[in-house]
Amino acid sequence: MPFKNGICPTCGRPEKLHDSQRDRYFAMIGNLLQHPKLAHLTKQQLDLYFRDKFLGSEEIVLPNGKVITQPHRLNRKQGPDVPTMSEFIDKIQAWCASVGVWEVEE
């Protein structure tokens, strides 16, 4: 049965992240990196910044007891649901507008 408004009509859970949303996000990152204000960053740096800022992070305890912080992931199994990913992209676009950055399309 198809999802309506990103929610499963049977169990009520949000729909899992779509590959097309993920692809759009990484295309957007690539386009943003072409802007002069962000050109000094790498794709990984900008991705980690956005995930940490807008999706949050989790603390992970390593076997040696050291605690590291890692931004939440963007994959189908552990990533955000469809509505959360849409909000994530909206927040990035709002951030871009607030700092005067836009996507540079080729």
N, C-alpha and C. Protein backbone atom coordinates (compact mmCIF):
# COMPACT_ATOMS: atom_id res chain seq x y z
N MET A 1 0.85 -1.17 0.00
CA MET A 1 0.00 0.00 0.00
C MET A 1 0.90 1.24 0.00
N PRO A 2 0.63 2.24 -0.83
CA PRO A 2 1.51 3.41 -0.90
C PRO A 2 1.40 4.28 0.35
N PHE A 3 2.51 4.98 0.60
CA PHE A 3 2.55 5.90 1.73
C PHE A 3 1.76 7.15 1.38
N LYS A 4 1.05 7.69 2.34
CA LYS A 4 0.30 8.93 2.14
C LYS A 4 0.91 9.98 3.06
N ASN A 5 1.38 11.08 2.47
CA ASN A 5 2.04 12.15 3.23
C ASN A 5 3.25 11.63 4.00
N GLY A 6 3.94 10.61 3.45
CA GLY A 6 5.15 10.08 4.08
C GLY A 6 4.91 9.16 5.25
N ILE A 7 3.64 8.74 5.49
CA ILE A 7 3.29 7.89 6.63
C ILE A 7 2.65 6.61 6.12
N CYS A 8 3.09 5.48 6.67
CA CYS A 8 2.51 4.19 6.30
C CYS A 8 1.09 4.10 6.87
N PRO A 9 0.09 3.83 6.03
CA PRO A 9 -1.29 3.77 6.52
C PRO A 9 -1.54 2.57 7.42
N THR A 10 -0.71 1.55 7.34
CA THR A 10 -0.89 0.34 8.14
C THR A 10 -0.29 0.47 9.54
N CYS A 11 1.00 0.84 9.59
CA CYS A 11 1.69 0.87 10.89
C CYS A 11 1.88 2.27 11.45
N GLY A 12 1.69 3.30 10.62
CA GLY A 12 1.82 4.67 11.09
C GLY A 12 3.24 5.20 11.17
N ARG A 13 4.21 4.39 10.70
CA ARG A 13 5.62 4.84 10.72
C ARG A 13 5.92 5.72 9.51
N PRO A 14 6.84 6.68 9.68
CA PRO A 14 7.24 7.50 8.54
C PRO A 14 7.99 6.67 7.50
N GLU A 15 7.85 7.06 6.25
CA GLU A 15 8.52 6.38 5.14
C GLU A 15 10.02 6.57 5.26
N LYS A 16 10.78 5.53 4.93
CA LYS A 16 12.24 5.58 4.98
C LYS A 16 12.79 6.54 3.92
N LEU A 17 13.99 6.99 4.16
CA LEU A 17 14.70 7.89 3.27
C LEU A 17 14.74 7.34 1.85
N HIS A 18 14.47 8.20 0.88
CA HIS A 18 14.55 7.81 -0.54
C HIS A 18 15.95 8.06 -1.08
N ASP A 19 16.38 7.18 -1.97
CA ASP A 19 17.67 7.39 -2.62
C ASP A 19 17.67 8.70 -3.40
N SER A 20 16.52 9.08 -3.97
CA SER A 20 16.46 10.33 -4.75
C SER A 20 16.68 11.54 -3.84
N GLN A 21 16.20 11.49 -2.59
CA GLN A 21 16.44 12.59 -1.66
C GLN A 21 17.93 12.67 -1.31
N ARG A 22 18.52 11.53 -1.07
CA ARG A 22 19.94 11.46 -0.74
C ARG A 22 20.77 11.97 -1.92
N ASP A 23 20.42 11.54 -3.12
CA ASP A 23 21.13 11.98 -4.32
C ASP A 23 21.01 13.49 -4.50
N ARG A 24 19.81 14.02 -4.25
CA ARG A 24 19.60 15.47 -4.35
C ARG A 24 20.46 16.23 -3.35
N TYR A 25 20.55 15.69 -2.13
CA TYR A 25 21.36 16.31 -1.09
C TYR A 25 22.83 16.39 -1.51
N PHE A 26 23.38 15.28 -1.98
CA PHE A 26 24.79 15.29 -2.35
C PHE A 26 25.06 16.11 -3.61
N ALA A 27 24.09 16.19 -4.51
CA ALA A 27 24.23 17.08 -5.67
C ALA A 27 24.23 18.54 -5.19
N MET A 28 23.37 18.84 -4.21
CA MET A 28 23.32 20.19 -3.66
C MET A 28 24.66 20.54 -3.00
N ILE A 29 25.23 19.61 -2.25
CA ILE A 29 26.55 19.84 -1.61
C ILE A 29 27.59 20.17 -2.69
N GLY A 30 27.61 19.38 -3.76
CA GLY A 30 28.56 19.62 -4.84
C GLY A 30 28.39 20.99 -5.47
N ASN A 31 27.13 21.39 -5.66
CA ASN A 31 26.86 22.71 -6.24
C ASN A 31 27.24 23.83 -5.28
N LEU A 32 27.01 23.65 -3.99
CA LEU A 32 27.36 24.67 -3.01
C LEU A 32 28.87 24.86 -2.92
N LEU A 33 29.62 23.79 -3.09
CA LEU A 33 31.08 23.87 -2.99
C LEU A 33 31.70 24.69 -4.13
N GLN A 34 30.93 24.94 -5.16
CA GLN A 34 31.42 25.76 -6.26
C GLN A 34 31.27 27.25 -5.96
N HIS A 35 30.53 27.58 -4.90
CA HIS A 35 30.36 28.98 -4.52
C HIS A 35 31.68 29.47 -3.89
N PRO A 36 32.11 30.68 -4.23
CA PRO A 36 33.39 31.19 -3.71
C PRO A 36 33.51 31.17 -2.18
N LYS A 37 32.42 31.39 -1.46
CA LYS A 37 32.48 31.40 0.00
C LYS A 37 32.73 30.01 0.59
N LEU A 38 32.42 28.96 -0.16
CA LEU A 38 32.55 27.59 0.36
C LEU A 38 33.61 26.78 -0.38
N ALA A 39 34.24 27.36 -1.38
CA ALA A 39 35.16 26.62 -2.24
C ALA A 39 36.36 26.04 -1.49
N HIS A 40 36.68 26.58 -0.33
CA HIS A 40 37.83 26.09 0.45
C HIS A 40 37.50 24.81 1.23
N LEU A 41 36.24 24.42 1.26
CA LEU A 41 35.81 23.22 1.99
C LEU A 41 35.81 21.99 1.10
N THR A 42 35.82 20.82 1.73
CA THR A 42 35.66 19.57 0.98
C THR A 42 34.20 19.14 1.10
N LYS A 43 33.82 18.20 0.25
CA LYS A 43 32.47 17.65 0.29
C LYS A 43 32.20 17.02 1.67
N GLN A 44 33.19 16.31 2.19
CA GLN A 44 33.04 15.66 3.50
C GLN A 44 32.86 16.69 4.61
N GLN A 45 33.63 17.77 4.58
CA GLN A 45 33.51 18.80 5.61
C GLN A 45 32.12 19.43 5.62
N LEU A 46 31.62 19.79 4.44
CA LEU A 46 30.32 20.44 4.36
C LEU A 46 29.20 19.45 4.76
N ASP A 47 29.32 18.21 4.33
CA ASP A 47 28.35 17.19 4.70
C ASP A 47 28.33 16.99 6.22
N LEU A 48 29.48 16.83 6.84
CA LEU A 48 29.55 16.65 8.29
C LEU A 48 28.99 17.87 9.03
N TYR A 49 29.30 19.06 8.54
CA TYR A 49 28.80 20.29 9.16
C TYR A 49 27.28 20.32 9.14
N PHE A 50 26.68 20.08 7.97
CA PHE A 50 25.23 20.13 7.85
C PHE A 50 24.55 19.04 8.68
N ARG A 51 25.09 17.83 8.64
CA ARG A 51 24.48 16.75 9.42
C ARG A 51 24.55 17.04 10.91
N ASP A 52 25.69 17.53 11.37
CA ASP A 52 25.83 17.84 12.80
C ASP A 52 24.92 19.00 13.19
N LYS A 53 24.87 20.03 12.38
CA LYS A 53 24.08 21.23 12.69
C LYS A 53 22.57 20.98 12.66
N PHE A 54 22.11 20.24 11.66
CA PHE A 54 20.67 20.13 11.46
C PHE A 54 20.06 18.77 11.78
N LEU A 55 20.86 17.71 11.85
CA LEU A 55 20.32 16.39 12.20
C LEU A 55 20.77 15.94 13.58
N GLY A 56 21.80 16.58 14.09
CA GLY A 56 22.32 16.21 15.40
C GLY A 56 23.38 15.13 15.32
N SER A 57 23.93 14.81 16.46
CA SER A 57 25.02 13.84 16.54
C SER A 57 24.75 12.86 17.67
N GLU A 58 25.52 11.80 17.66
CA GLU A 58 25.43 10.82 18.73
C GLU A 58 26.83 10.54 19.26
N GLU A 59 26.91 10.24 20.54
CA GLU A 59 28.19 9.88 21.14
C GLU A 59 28.37 8.37 21.04
N ILE A 60 29.56 7.98 20.64
CA ILE A 60 29.88 6.56 20.48
C ILE A 60 31.07 6.25 21.37
N VAL A 61 30.93 5.21 22.19
CA VAL A 61 32.03 4.80 23.06
C VAL A 61 32.82 3.71 22.35
N LEU A 62 34.10 3.97 22.14
CA LEU A 62 34.99 3.01 21.49
C LEU A 62 35.45 1.96 22.49
N PRO A 63 35.97 0.83 22.01
CA PRO A 63 36.41 -0.24 22.92
C PRO A 63 37.45 0.23 23.95
N ASN A 64 38.26 1.24 23.62
CA ASN A 64 39.26 1.72 24.56
C ASN A 64 38.69 2.74 25.55
N GLY A 65 37.38 2.98 25.48
CA GLY A 65 36.73 3.91 26.39
C GLY A 65 36.64 5.33 25.88
N LYS A 66 37.34 5.63 24.82
CA LYS A 66 37.29 6.98 24.25
C LYS A 66 35.89 7.22 23.67
N VAL A 67 35.38 8.42 23.86
CA VAL A 67 34.06 8.79 23.36
C VAL A 67 34.24 9.76 22.19
N ILE A 68 33.62 9.42 21.06
CA ILE A 68 33.66 10.31 19.91
C ILE A 68 32.23 10.72 19.57
N THR A 69 32.12 11.84 18.90
CA THR A 69 30.82 12.33 18.46
C THR A 69 30.74 12.19 16.96
N GLN A 70 29.67 11.62 16.48
CA GLN A 70 29.49 11.40 15.04
C GLN A 70 28.11 11.90 14.64
N PRO A 71 28.03 12.73 13.58
CA PRO A 71 26.72 13.17 13.11
C PRO A 71 25.87 11.98 12.66
N HIS A 72 24.56 12.13 12.80
CA HIS A 72 23.65 11.07 12.36
C HIS A 72 23.87 10.77 10.88
N ARG A 73 23.62 9.54 10.51
CA ARG A 73 23.88 9.06 9.15
C ARG A 73 22.76 9.40 8.18
N LEU A 74 23.10 9.28 6.89
CA LEU A 74 22.12 9.51 5.82
C LEU A 74 22.00 8.26 4.96
N ASN A 75 21.61 7.16 5.56
CA ASN A 75 21.38 5.96 4.76
C ASN A 75 19.98 5.43 5.04
N ARG A 76 19.53 4.51 4.21
CA ARG A 76 18.15 4.02 4.33
C ARG A 76 17.90 3.30 5.66
N LYS A 77 18.89 2.59 6.17
CA LYS A 77 18.69 1.81 7.39
C LYS A 77 18.69 2.69 8.64
N GLN A 78 19.66 3.61 8.75
CA GLN A 78 19.81 4.40 9.96
C GLN A 78 19.52 5.88 9.76
N GLY A 79 19.22 6.26 8.55
CA GLY A 79 19.04 7.67 8.24
C GLY A 79 17.67 8.20 8.60
N PRO A 80 17.47 9.46 8.30
CA PRO A 80 16.18 10.08 8.61
C PRO A 80 15.06 9.55 7.72
N ASP A 81 13.83 9.78 8.14
CA ASP A 81 12.69 9.41 7.31
C ASP A 81 12.47 10.50 6.27
N VAL A 82 11.51 10.29 5.38
CA VAL A 82 11.25 11.22 4.28
C VAL A 82 10.93 12.64 4.78
N PRO A 83 9.99 12.80 5.73
CA PRO A 83 9.70 14.15 6.19
C PRO A 83 10.90 14.84 6.86
N THR A 84 11.67 14.08 7.64
CA THR A 84 12.84 14.66 8.31
C THR A 84 13.89 15.09 7.29
N MET A 85 14.08 14.29 6.25
CA MET A 85 15.05 14.64 5.21
C MET A 85 14.60 15.90 4.47
N SER A 86 13.31 16.03 4.22
CA SER A 86 12.79 17.24 3.56
C SER A 86 13.05 18.47 4.43
N GLU A 87 12.81 18.34 5.74
CA GLU A 87 13.08 19.44 6.67
C GLU A 87 14.57 19.76 6.70
N PHE A 88 15.41 18.73 6.67
CA PHE A 88 16.86 18.89 6.67
C PHE A 88 17.30 19.74 5.47
N ILE A 89 16.81 19.40 4.29
CA ILE A 89 17.16 20.15 3.08
C ILE A 89 16.62 21.58 3.16
N ASP A 90 15.42 21.75 3.69
CA ASP A 90 14.86 23.10 3.86
C ASP A 90 15.74 23.94 4.80
N LYS A 91 16.22 23.34 5.89
CA LYS A 91 17.08 24.06 6.83
C LYS A 91 18.40 24.46 6.18
N ILE A 92 18.94 23.58 5.34
CA ILE A 92 20.19 23.91 4.64
C ILE A 92 19.95 25.08 3.70
N GLN A 93 18.85 25.05 2.98
CA GLN A 93 18.55 26.14 2.05
C GLN A 93 18.35 27.46 2.81
N ALA A 94 17.71 27.41 3.97
CA ALA A 94 17.54 28.62 4.78
C ALA A 94 18.89 29.12 5.29
N TRP A 95 19.75 28.20 5.70
CA TRP A 95 21.10 28.57 6.14
C TRP A 95 21.85 29.25 5.01
N CYS A 96 21.78 28.67 3.82
CA CYS A 96 22.46 29.24 2.65
C CYS A 96 21.99 30.67 2.39
N ALA A 97 20.69 30.89 2.46
CA ALA A 97 20.14 32.23 2.25
C ALA A 97 20.63 33.19 3.33
N SER A 98 20.74 32.71 4.56
CA SER A 98 21.15 33.58 5.66
C SER A 98 22.62 34.00 5.58
N VAL A 99 23.45 33.19 4.93
CA VAL A 99 24.87 33.54 4.81
C VAL A 99 25.24 34.01 3.41
N GLY A 100 24.24 34.16 2.55
CA GLY A 100 24.49 34.68 1.21
C GLY A 100 25.20 33.71 0.28
N VAL A 101 24.83 32.45 0.38
CA VAL A 101 25.42 31.40 -0.46
C VAL A 101 24.30 30.78 -1.29
N TRP A 102 24.58 30.43 -2.50
CA TRP A 102 23.59 29.77 -3.34
C TRP A 102 24.26 28.65 -4.11
N GLU A 103 23.43 27.75 -4.60
CA GLU A 103 23.95 26.63 -5.40
C GLU A 103 24.43 27.14 -6.74
N VAL A 104 25.62 26.75 -7.13
CA VAL A 104 26.14 27.12 -8.43
C VAL A 104 25.86 25.96 -9.37
N GLU A 105 24.98 26.16 -10.31
CA GLU A 105 24.63 25.11 -11.27
C GLU A 105 25.60 25.17 -12.45
N GLU A 106 25.98 24.02 -12.93
CA GLU A 106 26.90 23.98 -14.08
C GLU A 106 26.15 24.16 -15.36
